[in-house]
C-alpha atoms as a PDB file:
ATOM      1  CA  MET A   1     179.250 106.891 202.728  1.00  0.00           C
ATOM      2  CA  LYS A   2     181.050 109.869 200.683  1.00  0.00           C
ATOM      3  CA  PHE A   3     181.063 110.134 197.354  1.00  0.00           C
ATOM      4  CA  GLN A   4     184.456 112.458 195.505  1.00  0.00           C
ATOM      5  CA  ARG A   5     183.404 115.488 193.930  1.00  0.00           C
ATOM      6  CA  GLY A   6     185.242 116.489 190.511  1.00  0.00           C
ATOM      7  CA  LEU A   7     185.613 115.674 187.860  1.00  0.00           C
ATOM      8  CA  SER A   8     186.877 112.792 185.821  1.00  0.00           C
ATOM      9  CA  LEU A   9     190.055 112.355 182.920  1.00  0.00           C
ATOM     10  CA  ASN A  10     187.923 111.774 180.022  1.00  0.00           C
ATOM     11  CA  ALA A  11     185.892 114.665 181.456  1.00  0.00           C
ATOM     12  CA  LEU A  12     188.391 116.755 181.368  1.00  0.00           C
ATOM     13  CA  MET A  13     190.482 115.514 178.417  1.00  0.00           C
ATOM     14  CA  LEU A  14     186.560 115.575 176.292  1.00  0.00           C
ATOM     15  CA  GLY A  15     186.425 118.819 177.511  1.00  0.00           C
ATOM     16  CA  GLY A  16     190.054 120.059 176.375  1.00  0.00           C
ATOM     17  CA  ALA A  17     189.615 118.753 172.902  1.00  0.00           C
ATOM     18  CA  VAL A  18     185.765 120.602 172.333  1.00  0.00           C
ATOM     19  CA  LEU A  19     187.305 123.394 174.196  1.00  0.00           C
ATOM     20  CA  ALA A  20     190.214 123.107 171.826  1.00  0.00           C
ATOM     21  CA  LEU A  21     187.858 122.628 168.212  1.00  0.00           C
ATOM     22  CA  VAL A  22     185.526 125.651 169.400  1.00  0.00           C
ATOM     23  CA  SER A  23     188.781 127.980 170.091  1.00  0.00           C
ATOM     24  CA  LEU A  24     190.134 126.468 166.275  1.00  0.00           C
ATOM     25  CA  LEU A  25     187.310 127.610 164.954  1.00  0.00           C
ATOM     26  CA  ALA A  26     187.187 130.904 166.431  1.00  0.00           C
ATOM     27  CA  MET A  27     191.043 131.222 164.953  1.00  0.00           C
ATOM     28  CA  LYS A  28     190.383 130.726 161.926  1.00  0.00           C
ATOM     29  CA  ALA A  29     186.614 132.469 161.556  1.00  0.00           C
ATOM     30  CA  ALA A  30     187.778 135.629 163.040  1.00  0.00           C
ATOM     31  CA  PRO A  31     189.791 136.601 159.838  1.00  0.00           C
ATOM     32  CA  PRO A  32     187.377 136.827 157.339  1.00  0.00           C
ATOM     33  CA  TRP A  33     184.536 138.591 159.471  1.00  0.00           C
ATOM     34  CA  MET A  34     187.066 141.030 160.689  1.00  0.00           C
ATOM     35  CA  GLU A  35     187.963 142.044 156.559  1.00  0.00           C
ATOM     36  CA  TYR A  36     183.973 141.809 156.079  1.00  0.00           C
ATOM     37  CA  GLY A  37     183.353 145.029 157.779  1.00  0.00           C
ATOM     38  CA  ASN A  38     186.158 146.679 156.593  1.00  0.00           C
ATOM     39  CA  LEU A  39     185.285 145.830 153.029  1.00  0.00           C
ATOM     40  CA  VAL A  40     181.852 147.209 154.825  1.00  0.00           C
ATOM     41  CA  LYS A  41     183.310 150.345 155.642  1.00  0.00           C
ATOM     42  CA  ALA A  42     185.310 151.063 152.912  1.00  0.00           C
ATOM     43  CA  VAL A  43     182.349 150.071 150.184  1.00  0.00           C
ATOM     44  CA  LYS A  44     180.638 152.637 152.269  1.00  0.00           C
ATOM     45  CA  GLY A  45     182.413 155.649 152.578  1.00  0.00           C
ATOM     46  CA  THR A  46     183.222 155.465 149.301  1.00  0.00           C
ATOM     47  CA  ALA A  47     179.839 155.938 148.563  1.00  0.00           C
ATOM     48  CA  GLY A  48     178.994 158.550 150.344  1.00  0.00           C
ATOM     49  CA  ASP A  49     182.022 160.922 149.642  1.00  0.00           C
ATOM     50  CA  ALA A  50     180.446 163.548 148.820  1.00  0.00           C
ATOM     51  CA  SER A  51     183.470 164.696 146.223  1.00  0.00           C
ATOM     52  CA  LEU A  52     182.760 161.366 144.015  1.00  0.00           C
ATOM     53  CA  LYS A  53     178.349 161.979 143.293  1.00  0.00           C
ATOM     54  CA  ASP A  54     179.460 162.438 139.322  1.00  0.00           C
ATOM     55  CA  VAL A  55     182.979 161.433 138.633  1.00  0.00           C
ATOM     56  CA  SER A  56     183.778 158.518 136.332  1.00  0.00           C
ATOM     57  CA  VAL A  57     183.597 154.606 137.485  1.00  0.00           C
ATOM     58  CA  ALA A  58     187.875 154.872 137.141  1.00  0.00           C
ATOM     59  CA  LYS A  59     187.805 157.459 140.022  1.00  0.00           C
ATOM     60  CA  VAL A  60     185.744 156.210 142.291  1.00  0.00           C
ATOM     61  CA  ARG A  61     187.558 152.805 141.951  1.00  0.00           C
ATOM     62  CA  ASP A  62     190.658 154.935 142.884  1.00  0.00           C
ATOM     63  CA  ALA A  63     189.330 156.104 145.654  1.00  0.00           C
ATOM     64  CA  PHE A  64     187.851 152.799 146.747  1.00  0.00           C
ATOM     65  CA  THR A  65     191.616 150.968 146.349  1.00  0.00           C
ATOM     66  CA  LYS A  66     193.452 153.768 148.544  1.00  0.00           C
ATOM     67  CA  ARG A  67     190.568 153.246 151.455  1.00  0.00           C
ATOM     68  CA  ALA A  68     190.206 149.526 150.809  1.00  0.00           C
ATOM     69  CA  ASP A  69     194.565 149.673 151.307  1.00  0.00           C
ATOM     70  CA  MET A  70     193.976 151.399 154.497  1.00  0.00           C
ATOM     71  CA  ASP A  71     192.111 149.040 156.236  1.00  0.00           C
ATOM     72  CA  ASP A  72     193.378 145.514 154.609  1.00  0.00           C
ATOM     73  CA  VAL A  73     191.038 144.867 152.418  1.00  0.00           C
ATOM     74  CA  LYS A  74     192.610 141.410 149.960  1.00  0.00           C
ATOM     75  CA  SER A  75     189.342 139.749 148.996  1.00  0.00           C
ATOM     76  CA  VAL A  76     188.081 142.753 147.044  1.00  0.00           C
ATOM     77  CA  THR A  77     189.451 144.670 144.391  1.00  0.00           C
ATOM     78  CA  ALA A  78     188.401 147.174 143.022  1.00  0.00           C
ATOM     79  CA  GLN A  79     188.042 145.771 139.861  1.00  0.00           C
ATOM     80  CA  ASP A  80     185.465 142.651 141.540  1.00  0.00           C
ATOM     81  CA  LEU A  81     182.785 145.893 142.640  1.00  0.00           C
ATOM     82  CA  GLU A  82     179.825 146.778 140.059  1.00  0.00           C
ATOM     83  CA  ILE A  83     179.190 150.879 140.718  1.00  0.00           C
ATOM     84  CA  THR A  84     175.618 152.331 139.628  1.00  0.00           C
ATOM     85  CA  LYS A  85     173.620 155.011 140.606  1.00  0.00           C
ATOM     86  CA  GLU A  86     170.097 155.063 141.798  1.00  0.00           C
ATOM     87  CA  GLY A  87     168.186 157.725 142.604  1.00  0.00           C
ATOM     88  CA  GLY A  88     171.061 159.927 142.111  1.00  0.00           C
ATOM     89  CA  GLU A  89     173.166 157.779 145.335  1.00  0.00           C
ATOM     90  CA  LEU A  90     175.925 156.324 144.009  1.00  0.00           C
ATOM     91  CA  VAL A  91     175.674 152.099 144.798  1.00  0.00           C
ATOM     92  CA  ILE A  92     178.616 150.080 145.709  1.00  0.00           C
ATOM     93  CA  SER A  93     178.071 146.789 145.696  1.00  0.00           C
ATOM     94  CA  PHE A  94     179.882 143.569 145.832  1.00  0.00           C
ATOM     95  CA  LYS A  95     179.854 139.516 146.364  1.00  0.00           C
ATOM     96  CA  TYR A  96     182.210 136.839 146.715  1.00  0.00           C
ATOM     97  CA  GLU A  97     184.113 133.556 148.380  1.00  0.00           C
ATOM     98  CA  LYS A  98     186.165 133.489 151.120  1.00  0.00           C
ATOM     99  CA  LYS A  99     187.718 129.314 151.718  1.00  0.00           C
ATOM    100  CA  VAL A 100     189.591 128.967 154.628  1.00  0.00           C
ATOM    101  CA  PRO A 101     191.088 125.633 155.282  1.00  0.00           C
ATOM    102  CA  LEU A 102     191.171 124.168 159.163  1.00  0.00           C
ATOM    103  CA  PHE A 103     192.980 121.082 158.755  1.00  0.00           C
ATOM    104  CA  HIS A 104     193.457 118.085 156.158  1.00  0.00           C
ATOM    105  CA  ASN A 105     190.463 118.203 153.931  1.00  0.00           C
ATOM    106  CA  VAL A 106     188.342 120.170 156.033  1.00  0.00           C
ATOM    107  CA  SER A 107     187.278 124.104 155.065  1.00  0.00           C
ATOM    108  CA  LEU A 108     184.883 126.362 155.917  1.00  0.00           C
ATOM    109  CA  VAL A 109     183.381 128.580 153.525  1.00  0.00           C
ATOM    110  CA  PHE A 110     182.499 131.859 153.575  1.00  0.00           C
ATOM    111  CA  ASP A 111     179.920 133.246 150.962  1.00  0.00           C
ATOM    112  CA  PHE A 112     180.221 137.381 151.537  1.00  0.00           C
ATOM    113  CA  GLU A 113     177.404 139.960 149.789  1.00  0.00           C
ATOM    114  CA  GLY A 114     177.037 143.581 150.415  1.00  0.00           C
ATOM    115  CA  SER A 115     176.334 146.872 148.952  1.00  0.00           C
ATOM    116  CA  SER A 116     176.765 150.767 150.006  1.00  0.00           C
ATOM    117  CA  ALA A 117     172.943 151.378 149.652  1.00  0.00           C
ATOM    118  CA  ALA A 118     170.774 151.595 152.751  1.00  0.00           C
ATOM    119  CA  LYS A 119     168.412 148.329 153.981  1.00  0.00           C
ATOM    120  CA  GLN A 120     165.499 148.107 153.121  1.00  0.00           C
END
């Protein structure tokens, strides 16, 4: 006696629903992570700029704003940055929360934090 092989309709529907849910999560979660990467790049680029070593905080904020505009960073403004000097080096830190609605009353919440200081 030969047995049939393959997927049942129920397994196909369940697999499709799982794939759709994973795809929805990926499509909703990717933009905040890409923006975070651009933000880290803008912060590190601003902190590493040799022309900004001995200037006012306002000039550092202006330089960050220009870099953030180029990298399409909207979640953090120059006023949200914490700018300090540690050991003669410019250190720029940030921390923010991003809420991404999925559907109805379900959302993803991301807590992002970063700094231009090298990891110890």
